[in-house]
C-alpha atoms as a PDB file:
ATOM      1  CA  UNK A   1     -29.758  -9.201 -37.348  1.00  0.00           C
ATOM      2  CA  UNK A   2     -27.049  -6.709 -36.795  1.00  0.00           C
ATOM      3  CA  UNK A   3     -29.431  -4.473 -34.560  1.00  0.00           C
ATOM      4  CA  UNK A   4     -29.701  -7.300 -32.104  1.00  0.00           C
ATOM      5  CA  UNK A   5     -26.694  -7.937 -31.759  1.00  0.00           C
ATOM      6  CA  UNK A   6     -25.688  -4.246 -31.191  1.00  0.00           C
ATOM      7  CA  UNK A   7     -28.408  -3.711 -28.070  1.00  0.00           C
ATOM      8  CA  UNK A   8     -27.216  -6.805 -27.308  1.00  0.00           C
ATOM      9  CA  UNK A   9     -23.718  -5.804 -27.159  1.00  0.00           C
ATOM     10  CA  UNK A  10     -24.401  -1.879 -25.904  1.00  0.00           C
ATOM     11  CA  UNK A  11     -26.682  -3.248 -23.207  1.00  0.00           C
ATOM     12  CA  UNK A  12     -23.369  -5.864 -21.793  1.00  0.00           C
ATOM     13  CA  UNK A  13     -21.541  -3.038 -21.814  1.00  0.00           C
ATOM     14  CA  UNK A  14     -23.804  -0.333 -19.809  1.00  0.00           C
ATOM     15  CA  UNK A  15     -24.252  -3.925 -17.247  1.00  0.00           C
ATOM     16  CA  UNK A  16     -20.860  -4.481 -16.995  1.00  0.00           C
ATOM     17  CA  UNK A  17     -19.948  -1.017 -16.721  1.00  0.00           C
ATOM     18  CA  UNK A  18     -22.113  -0.387 -13.954  1.00  0.00           C
ATOM     19  CA  UNK A  19     -20.862  -3.412 -12.099  1.00  0.00           C
ATOM     20  CA  UNK A  20     -17.071  -2.097 -12.319  1.00  0.00           C
ATOM     21  CA  UNK A  21     -18.521   1.436 -11.226  1.00  0.00           C
ATOM     22  CA  UNK A  22     -20.361  -0.944  -8.058  1.00  0.00           C
ATOM     23  CA  UNK A  23     -16.685  -2.485  -7.589  1.00  0.00           C
ATOM     24  CA  UNK A  24     -14.402   0.559  -7.653  1.00  0.00           C
ATOM     25  CA  UNK A  25     -16.652   1.266  -4.247  1.00  0.00           C
ATOM     26  CA  UNK A  26     -16.767  -1.936  -3.071  1.00  0.00           C
ATOM     27  CA  UNK A  27     -12.827  -2.158  -2.650  1.00  0.00           C
ATOM     28  CA  UNK A  28     -12.660   1.182  -0.858  1.00  0.00           C
ATOM     29  CA  UNK A  29     -15.074  -0.215   1.856  1.00  0.00           C
ATOM     30  CA  UNK A  30     -13.266  -3.141   1.812  1.00  0.00           C
ATOM     31  CA  UNK A  31     -10.039  -1.584   1.946  1.00  0.00           C
ATOM     32  CA  UNK A  32     -11.311   0.407   5.213  1.00  0.00           C
ATOM     33  CA  UNK A  33     -12.385  -2.389   6.973  1.00  0.00           C
ATOM     34  CA  UNK A  34      -9.607  -4.814   6.410  1.00  0.00           C
ATOM     35  CA  UNK A  35      -7.811  -1.125   8.037  1.00  0.00           C
ATOM     36  CA  UNK A  36      -9.698  -1.738  11.330  1.00  0.00           C
ATOM     37  CA  UNK A  37      -9.675  -5.341  11.068  1.00  0.00           C
ATOM     38  CA  UNK A  38      -6.010  -5.439  10.724  1.00  0.00           C
ATOM     39  CA  UNK A  39      -5.374  -3.343  13.701  1.00  0.00           C
ATOM     40  CA  UNK A  40      -6.068  -5.682  16.174  1.00  0.00           C
ATOM     41  CA  UNK A  41      -3.960  -8.355  14.797  1.00  0.00           C
ATOM     42  CA  UNK A  42      -1.047  -6.518  13.255  1.00  0.00           C
ATOM     43  CA  UNK A  43       0.444  -3.222  12.508  1.00  0.00           C
ATOM     44  CA  UNK A  44       0.731  -2.653   8.957  1.00  0.00           C
ATOM     45  CA  UNK A  45       3.034  -0.925   7.136  1.00  0.00           C
ATOM     46  CA  UNK A  46       2.226   1.327   4.426  1.00  0.00           C
ATOM     47  CA  UNK A  47      -0.995   0.380   2.026  1.00  0.00           C
ATOM     48  CA  UNK A  48      -3.391  -2.254   1.827  1.00  0.00           C
ATOM     49  CA  UNK A  49      -3.249  -3.599  -1.526  1.00  0.00           C
ATOM     50  CA  UNK A  50      -6.745  -4.834  -3.267  1.00  0.00           C
ATOM     51  CA  UNK A  51      -7.124  -5.784  -6.590  1.00  0.00           C
ATOM     52  CA  UNK A  52     -10.519  -7.210  -8.533  1.00  0.00           C
ATOM     53  CA  UNK A  53     -10.268  -9.215 -11.515  1.00  0.00           C
ATOM     54  CA  UNK A  54     -14.069  -9.899 -12.918  1.00  0.00           C
ATOM     55  CA  UNK A  55     -15.305 -12.254 -15.371  1.00  0.00           C
ATOM     56  CA  UNK A  56     -17.288 -10.447 -18.133  1.00  0.00           C
ATOM     57  CA  UNK A  57     -19.051 -13.715 -18.568  1.00  0.00           C
ATOM     58  CA  UNK A  58     -19.951 -15.299 -15.430  1.00  0.00           C
ATOM     59  CA  UNK A  59     -19.897 -12.045 -13.435  1.00  0.00           C
ATOM     60  CA  UNK A  60     -17.457 -13.875 -10.804  1.00  0.00           C
ATOM     61  CA  UNK A  61     -15.286 -11.210  -9.087  1.00  0.00           C
ATOM     62  CA  UNK A  62     -11.943 -12.928  -7.918  1.00  0.00           C
ATOM     63  CA  UNK A  63     -10.361 -10.609  -5.184  1.00  0.00           C
ATOM     64  CA  UNK A  64      -6.103 -10.239  -4.185  1.00  0.00           C
ATOM     65  CA  UNK A  65      -5.493  -8.687  -1.082  1.00  0.00           C
ATOM     66  CA  UNK A  66      -2.159  -7.823  -0.096  1.00  0.00           C
ATOM     67  CA  UNK A  67      -0.340  -5.590   2.996  1.00  0.00           C
ATOM     68  CA  UNK A  68       3.124  -5.562   5.236  1.00  0.00           C
ATOM     69  CA  UNK A  69       2.793  -5.662   8.947  1.00  0.00           C
ATOM     70  CA  UNK A  70       5.844  -4.063  10.597  1.00  0.00           C
ATOM     71  CA  UNK A  71       4.598  -5.952  13.598  1.00  0.00           C
ATOM     72  CA  UNK A  72       2.514  -8.769  14.622  1.00  0.00           C
ATOM     73  CA  UNK A  73       0.601  -8.636  18.253  1.00  0.00           C
ATOM     74  CA  UNK A  74       0.410 -11.715  20.433  1.00  0.00           C
ATOM     75  CA  UNK A  75      -3.088 -13.264  20.209  1.00  0.00           C
ATOM     76  CA  UNK A  76      -3.992 -13.432  23.586  1.00  0.00           C
ATOM     77  CA  UNK A  77      -3.164  -9.554  24.148  1.00  0.00           C
ATOM     78  CA  UNK A  78      -5.054  -8.185  21.876  1.00  0.00           C
ATOM     79  CA  UNK A  79      -8.698 -10.220  21.701  1.00  0.00           C
ATOM     80  CA  UNK A  80     -11.617  -8.706  22.973  1.00  0.00           C
END
């Protein structure tokens, strides 16, 4: 019984590790995409902060995104 539990735990750790590695890539891409999108609406001040909390059991990921804006553009002047 101990061997089955060890295999199960090792598999969970492996899958979680792969998901965390993939999440890092997603956060990096998301940050670049958001910077480009936000550029149409605001002038950002500093970096965009993105954190993600992953529930190990359900696999659900909650993203927290924050940024500061130095200037907000009037919507009618920047929308294409």
